[in-house]
């Protein structure tokens, strides 16, 4: 069955297209402008898997000891963020990725943010 986009959200660093939101999961297309980054954040309950479609990104993410490490991702690669793990995505060039997560979409704790949110 054909379905309309659930929501389009402008962000200071790009946008989010909410493709699906159910009681079990959520799926978004996220676009980051070159040189921009989202907030350094973590989630109490939300768990995320992301798949890079276009561009290149640098992902700062907690390792198993809770220390931030930086990893560069290319199209076709993916990353996984568990609850309580700090993370931030920076666009090395314009980048689009798909994020599939648990449906806890308001579960964002910002540690640091370039836009004062």
N, C-alpha and C. Protein backbone atom coordinates (compact mmCIF):
# COMPACT_ATOMS: atom_id res chain seq x y z
N UNK A 1 0.83 -1.17 0.00
CA UNK A 1 0.00 0.00 0.00
C UNK A 1 0.89 1.25 0.00
N UNK A 2 0.61 2.16 -0.89
CA UNK A 2 1.36 3.41 -0.97
C UNK A 2 1.09 4.25 0.28
N UNK A 3 2.14 4.90 0.77
CA UNK A 3 2.02 5.71 1.99
C UNK A 3 2.72 7.04 1.80
N UNK A 4 2.20 8.08 2.41
CA UNK A 4 2.81 9.40 2.36
C UNK A 4 3.93 9.50 3.40
N UNK A 5 4.83 10.45 3.19
CA UNK A 5 5.87 10.75 4.16
C UNK A 5 5.22 11.14 5.49
N UNK A 6 5.72 10.60 6.59
CA UNK A 6 5.14 10.87 7.90
C UNK A 6 5.40 12.31 8.32
N UNK A 7 6.64 12.79 8.11
CA UNK A 7 6.98 14.14 8.56
C UNK A 7 8.28 14.59 7.90
N UNK A 8 8.37 15.89 7.64
CA UNK A 8 9.61 16.51 7.15
C UNK A 8 10.03 17.53 8.20
N UNK A 9 11.29 17.43 8.66
CA UNK A 9 11.76 18.29 9.74
C UNK A 9 13.02 19.02 9.29
N UNK A 10 12.94 20.36 9.16
CA UNK A 10 14.12 21.17 8.87
C UNK A 10 15.01 21.19 10.11
N UNK A 11 16.30 21.07 9.90
CA UNK A 11 17.29 21.15 10.96
C UNK A 11 18.33 22.20 10.58
N UNK A 12 19.04 22.78 11.55
CA UNK A 12 20.06 23.78 11.19
C UNK A 12 21.20 23.20 10.35
N UNK A 13 21.36 21.89 10.38
CA UNK A 13 22.43 21.22 9.64
C UNK A 13 21.93 20.50 8.39
N UNK A 14 20.61 20.52 8.13
CA UNK A 14 20.06 19.81 6.97
C UNK A 14 18.58 19.52 7.19
N UNK A 15 18.21 18.25 7.07
CA UNK A 15 16.80 17.88 7.30
C UNK A 15 16.68 16.41 7.66
N UNK A 16 15.49 16.06 8.16
CA UNK A 16 15.10 14.67 8.38
C UNK A 16 13.78 14.43 7.65
N UNK A 17 13.67 13.32 6.95
CA UNK A 17 12.41 12.85 6.40
C UNK A 17 12.01 11.61 7.20
N UNK A 18 10.92 11.72 7.93
CA UNK A 18 10.43 10.58 8.71
C UNK A 18 9.63 9.71 7.75
N UNK A 19 10.18 8.57 7.39
CA UNK A 19 9.58 7.69 6.40
C UNK A 19 8.55 6.76 7.04
N UNK A 20 8.87 6.22 8.21
CA UNK A 20 7.96 5.30 8.90
C UNK A 20 8.13 5.46 10.40
N UNK A 21 7.03 5.47 11.11
CA UNK A 21 7.04 5.48 12.57
C UNK A 21 5.93 4.53 13.03
N UNK A 22 6.32 3.46 13.71
CA UNK A 22 5.36 2.48 14.22
C UNK A 22 5.63 2.28 15.71
N UNK A 23 4.86 1.41 16.33
CA UNK A 23 5.10 1.08 17.74
C UNK A 23 6.38 0.27 17.92
N UNK A 24 6.92 -0.28 16.83
CA UNK A 24 8.10 -1.15 16.92
C UNK A 24 9.39 -0.53 16.41
N UNK A 25 9.29 0.38 15.44
CA UNK A 25 10.49 0.96 14.83
C UNK A 25 10.18 2.30 14.19
N UNK A 26 11.26 3.02 13.83
CA UNK A 26 11.16 4.26 13.06
C UNK A 26 12.24 4.23 11.99
N UNK A 27 11.96 4.87 10.86
CA UNK A 27 12.94 4.96 9.78
C UNK A 27 12.95 6.39 9.26
N UNK A 28 14.15 6.95 9.14
CA UNK A 28 14.32 8.32 8.65
C UNK A 28 15.38 8.36 7.55
N UNK A 29 15.20 9.32 6.64
CA UNK A 29 16.28 9.73 5.75
C UNK A 29 16.82 11.01 6.34
N UNK A 30 18.14 11.08 6.54
CA UNK A 30 18.76 12.25 7.16
C UNK A 30 19.79 12.82 6.19
N UNK A 31 19.72 14.15 5.99
CA UNK A 31 20.67 14.85 5.12
C UNK A 31 21.45 15.85 5.96
N UNK A 32 22.79 15.78 5.88
CA UNK A 32 23.66 16.76 6.54
C UNK A 32 24.44 17.52 5.48
N UNK A 33 24.45 18.84 5.62
CA UNK A 33 25.23 19.70 4.71
C UNK A 33 26.71 19.57 5.03
N UNK A 34 27.52 19.65 3.99
CA UNK A 34 28.97 19.58 4.14
C UNK A 34 29.46 20.54 5.23
N UNK A 35 30.29 20.03 6.14
CA UNK A 35 30.86 20.84 7.20
C UNK A 35 29.98 20.98 8.43
N UNK A 36 28.75 20.52 8.35
CA UNK A 36 27.83 20.62 9.50
C UNK A 36 27.85 19.32 10.29
N UNK A 37 27.41 19.44 11.54
CA UNK A 37 27.32 18.25 12.37
C UNK A 37 26.11 18.36 13.29
N UNK A 38 25.60 17.22 13.65
CA UNK A 38 24.49 17.20 14.62
C UNK A 38 25.10 17.35 16.02
N UNK A 39 24.25 17.39 17.01
CA UNK A 39 24.75 17.55 18.38
C UNK A 39 25.45 16.27 18.85
N UNK A 40 26.38 16.44 19.78
CA UNK A 40 26.92 15.30 20.50
C UNK A 40 25.81 14.90 21.45
N UNK A 41 25.35 13.65 21.35
CA UNK A 41 24.14 13.26 22.06
C UNK A 41 24.21 11.80 22.47
N UNK A 42 23.24 11.43 23.30
CA UNK A 42 23.00 10.03 23.60
C UNK A 42 21.51 9.85 23.84
N UNK A 43 21.09 8.61 23.90
CA UNK A 43 19.69 8.27 24.10
C UNK A 43 19.58 7.31 25.28
N UNK A 44 18.59 7.51 26.11
CA UNK A 44 18.38 6.61 27.25
C UNK A 44 17.83 5.26 26.80
N UNK A 45 16.93 5.26 25.81
CA UNK A 45 16.30 4.02 25.34
C UNK A 45 16.50 3.76 23.86
N UNK A 46 16.57 4.81 23.07
CA UNK A 46 16.61 4.66 21.61
C UNK A 46 17.89 3.96 21.16
N UNK A 47 17.73 3.00 20.24
CA UNK A 47 18.85 2.32 19.60
C UNK A 47 18.75 2.58 18.11
N UNK A 48 19.88 2.86 17.46
CA UNK A 48 19.89 3.27 16.05
C UNK A 48 20.86 2.43 15.22
N UNK A 49 20.47 2.16 13.98
CA UNK A 49 21.36 1.65 12.94
C UNK A 49 21.26 2.64 11.78
N UNK A 50 22.41 3.03 11.22
CA UNK A 50 22.43 3.98 10.11
C UNK A 50 23.20 3.40 8.94
N UNK A 51 22.73 3.70 7.72
CA UNK A 51 23.33 3.23 6.47
C UNK A 51 23.58 4.44 5.58
N UNK A 52 24.84 4.68 5.22
CA UNK A 52 25.21 5.85 4.43
C UNK A 52 24.91 5.61 2.95
N UNK A 53 24.07 6.48 2.38
CA UNK A 53 23.71 6.40 0.97
C UNK A 53 24.67 7.19 0.09
N UNK A 54 24.93 8.46 0.46
CA UNK A 54 25.79 9.32 -0.35
C UNK A 54 26.69 10.16 0.56
N UNK A 55 27.81 10.60 0.02
CA UNK A 55 28.72 11.48 0.75
C UNK A 55 29.65 10.70 1.67
N UNK A 56 30.36 11.47 2.49
CA UNK A 56 31.25 10.88 3.50
C UNK A 56 30.96 11.56 4.83
N UNK A 57 31.02 10.79 5.91
CA UNK A 57 30.78 11.35 7.24
C UNK A 57 31.85 10.87 8.20
N UNK A 58 32.02 11.66 9.25
CA UNK A 58 32.87 11.30 10.38
C UNK A 58 31.92 11.10 11.55
N UNK A 59 31.96 9.92 12.16
CA UNK A 59 31.09 9.62 13.29
C UNK A 59 31.96 9.51 14.54
N UNK A 60 31.68 10.39 15.50
CA UNK A 60 32.29 10.26 16.82
C UNK A 60 31.34 9.37 17.61
N UNK A 61 31.89 8.32 18.22
CA UNK A 61 31.04 7.37 18.93
C UNK A 61 31.82 6.73 20.07
N UNK A 62 31.10 6.48 21.16
CA UNK A 62 31.71 5.82 22.31
C UNK A 62 32.15 4.42 21.93
N UNK A 63 33.37 4.05 22.38
CA UNK A 63 33.79 2.66 22.24
C UNK A 63 33.25 1.87 23.45
N UNK A 64 33.64 0.63 23.60
CA UNK A 64 33.12 -0.22 24.68
C UNK A 64 33.47 0.32 26.07
N UNK A 65 34.53 1.13 26.17
CA UNK A 65 34.93 1.73 27.45
C UNK A 65 34.31 3.11 27.67
N UNK A 66 33.47 3.56 26.76
CA UNK A 66 32.83 4.86 26.90
C UNK A 66 33.70 6.03 26.49
N UNK A 67 34.75 5.78 25.71
CA UNK A 67 35.66 6.82 25.23
C UNK A 67 35.30 7.13 23.77
N UNK A 68 35.15 8.42 23.44
CA UNK A 68 34.82 8.80 22.07
C UNK A 68 35.95 8.48 21.11
N UNK A 69 35.60 7.83 20.02
CA UNK A 69 36.51 7.55 18.91
C UNK A 69 35.87 8.10 17.64
N UNK A 70 36.69 8.45 16.65
CA UNK A 70 36.18 8.95 15.37
C UNK A 70 36.42 7.92 14.28
N UNK A 71 35.37 7.69 13.46
CA UNK A 71 35.46 6.75 12.35
C UNK A 71 34.85 7.41 11.12
N UNK A 72 35.54 7.28 9.98
CA UNK A 72 35.02 7.80 8.73
C UNK A 72 34.23 6.71 8.01
N UNK A 73 33.10 7.09 7.45
CA UNK A 73 32.23 6.15 6.73
C UNK A 73 32.03 6.62 5.29
N UNK A 74 31.95 5.65 4.39
CA UNK A 74 31.75 5.85 2.96
C UNK A 74 30.37 5.30 2.58
N UNK A 75 29.84 5.66 1.41
CA UNK A 75 28.57 5.09 0.98
C UNK A 75 28.60 3.56 1.01
N UNK A 76 27.51 2.99 1.51
CA UNK A 76 27.41 1.53 1.62
C UNK A 76 27.83 0.99 2.98
N UNK A 77 28.38 1.86 3.84
CA UNK A 77 28.79 1.41 5.17
C UNK A 77 27.73 1.82 6.20
N UNK A 78 27.75 1.13 7.34
CA UNK A 78 26.75 1.42 8.37
C UNK A 78 27.39 1.47 9.75
N UNK A 79 26.65 2.07 10.68
CA UNK A 79 27.09 2.15 12.07
C UNK A 79 25.89 1.94 12.99
N UNK A 80 26.18 1.60 14.23
CA UNK A 80 25.15 1.21 15.20
C UNK A 80 25.40 1.95 16.51
N UNK A 81 24.36 2.58 17.04
CA UNK A 81 24.48 3.29 18.32
C UNK A 81 23.51 2.67 19.33
N UNK A 82 24.05 2.17 20.42
CA UNK A 82 23.25 1.57 21.49
C UNK A 82 22.80 2.66 22.46
N UNK A 83 21.76 2.40 23.25
CA UNK A 83 21.35 3.36 24.27
C UNK A 83 22.53 3.73 25.17
N UNK A 84 22.58 5.00 25.58
CA UNK A 84 23.57 5.60 26.47
C UNK A 84 24.92 5.87 25.82
N UNK A 85 25.14 5.43 24.58
CA UNK A 85 26.40 5.68 23.88
C UNK A 85 26.37 7.08 23.26
N UNK A 86 27.34 7.92 23.62
CA UNK A 86 27.43 9.25 23.02
C UNK A 86 27.87 9.11 21.56
N UNK A 87 27.32 10.00 20.71
CA UNK A 87 27.68 9.97 19.29
C UNK A 87 27.34 11.30 18.63
N UNK A 88 28.02 11.56 17.51
CA UNK A 88 27.78 12.76 16.70
C UNK A 88 28.23 12.45 15.28
N UNK A 89 27.46 12.93 14.30
CA UNK A 89 27.80 12.74 12.89
C UNK A 89 28.15 14.09 12.28
N UNK A 90 29.30 14.14 11.59
CA UNK A 90 29.76 15.33 10.88
C UNK A 90 29.86 15.00 9.39
N UNK A 91 29.32 15.87 8.54
CA UNK A 91 29.38 15.66 7.09
C UNK A 91 30.71 16.19 6.55
N UNK A 92 31.55 15.31 6.05
CA UNK A 92 32.79 15.69 5.39
C UNK A 92 32.43 16.32 4.04
N UNK A 93 31.40 15.79 3.41
CA UNK A 93 30.79 16.35 2.22
C UNK A 93 29.29 16.13 2.37
N UNK A 94 28.46 16.80 1.55
CA UNK A 94 27.02 16.57 1.65
C UNK A 94 26.76 15.08 1.77
N UNK A 95 25.93 14.70 2.73
CA UNK A 95 25.73 13.28 3.01
C UNK A 95 24.27 12.98 3.31
N UNK A 96 23.83 11.82 2.84
CA UNK A 96 22.48 11.33 3.11
C UNK A 96 22.59 9.91 3.66
N UNK A 97 21.89 9.65 4.76
CA UNK A 97 21.87 8.29 5.30
C UNK A 97 20.48 7.94 5.79
N UNK A 98 20.26 6.63 5.89
CA UNK A 98 19.02 6.08 6.42
C UNK A 98 19.29 5.67 7.86
N UNK A 99 18.39 6.08 8.75
CA UNK A 99 18.48 5.67 10.15
C UNK A 99 17.24 4.84 10.48
N UNK A 100 17.45 3.64 10.99
CA UNK A 100 16.38 2.79 11.49
C UNK A 100 16.61 2.66 12.99
N UNK A 101 15.56 2.91 13.77
CA UNK A 101 15.73 2.92 15.22
C UNK A 101 14.50 2.38 15.93
N UNK A 102 14.64 2.24 17.23
CA UNK A 102 13.48 2.01 18.06
C UNK A 102 12.64 3.29 17.99
N UNK A 103 11.35 3.24 18.36
CA UNK A 103 10.47 4.39 18.13
C UNK A 103 10.55 5.51 19.16
N UNK A 104 11.63 5.58 19.92
CA UNK A 104 11.78 6.61 20.97
C UNK A 104 12.33 7.90 20.36
N UNK A 105 11.54 8.57 19.53
CA UNK A 105 12.04 9.69 18.73
C UNK A 105 12.32 10.96 19.53
N UNK A 106 11.74 11.10 20.71
CA UNK A 106 11.99 12.28 21.54
C UNK A 106 13.09 12.04 22.57
N UNK A 107 13.70 10.88 22.53
CA UNK A 107 14.72 10.49 23.51
C UNK A 107 16.10 10.98 23.04
N UNK A 108 16.35 12.28 23.22
CA UNK A 108 17.64 12.87 22.83
C UNK A 108 18.16 13.69 24.00
N UNK A 109 19.36 13.35 24.45
CA UNK A 109 20.04 14.13 25.48
C UNK A 109 21.26 14.75 24.81
N UNK A 110 21.21 16.08 24.64
CA UNK A 110 22.32 16.78 23.97
C UNK A 110 23.40 17.09 25.00
N UNK A 111 24.62 16.69 24.68
CA UNK A 111 25.78 16.96 25.52
C UNK A 111 26.46 18.25 25.06
N UNK A 112 26.51 18.45 23.74
CA UNK A 112 27.12 19.63 23.13
C UNK A 112 26.40 19.89 21.81
N UNK A 113 26.15 21.18 21.50
CA UNK A 113 25.43 21.48 20.28
C UNK A 113 25.92 22.81 19.69
N UNK A 114 26.25 22.80 18.41
CA UNK A 114 26.74 24.00 17.73
C UNK A 114 25.66 25.06 17.58
N UNK A 115 24.40 24.69 17.75
CA UNK A 115 23.28 25.58 17.48
C UNK A 115 22.53 26.01 18.74
N UNK A 116 23.09 25.74 19.91
CA UNK A 116 22.52 26.20 21.17
C UNK A 116 21.18 25.58 21.54
N UNK A 117 20.93 24.40 21.04
CA UNK A 117 19.65 23.74 21.39
C UNK A 117 19.77 23.00 22.70
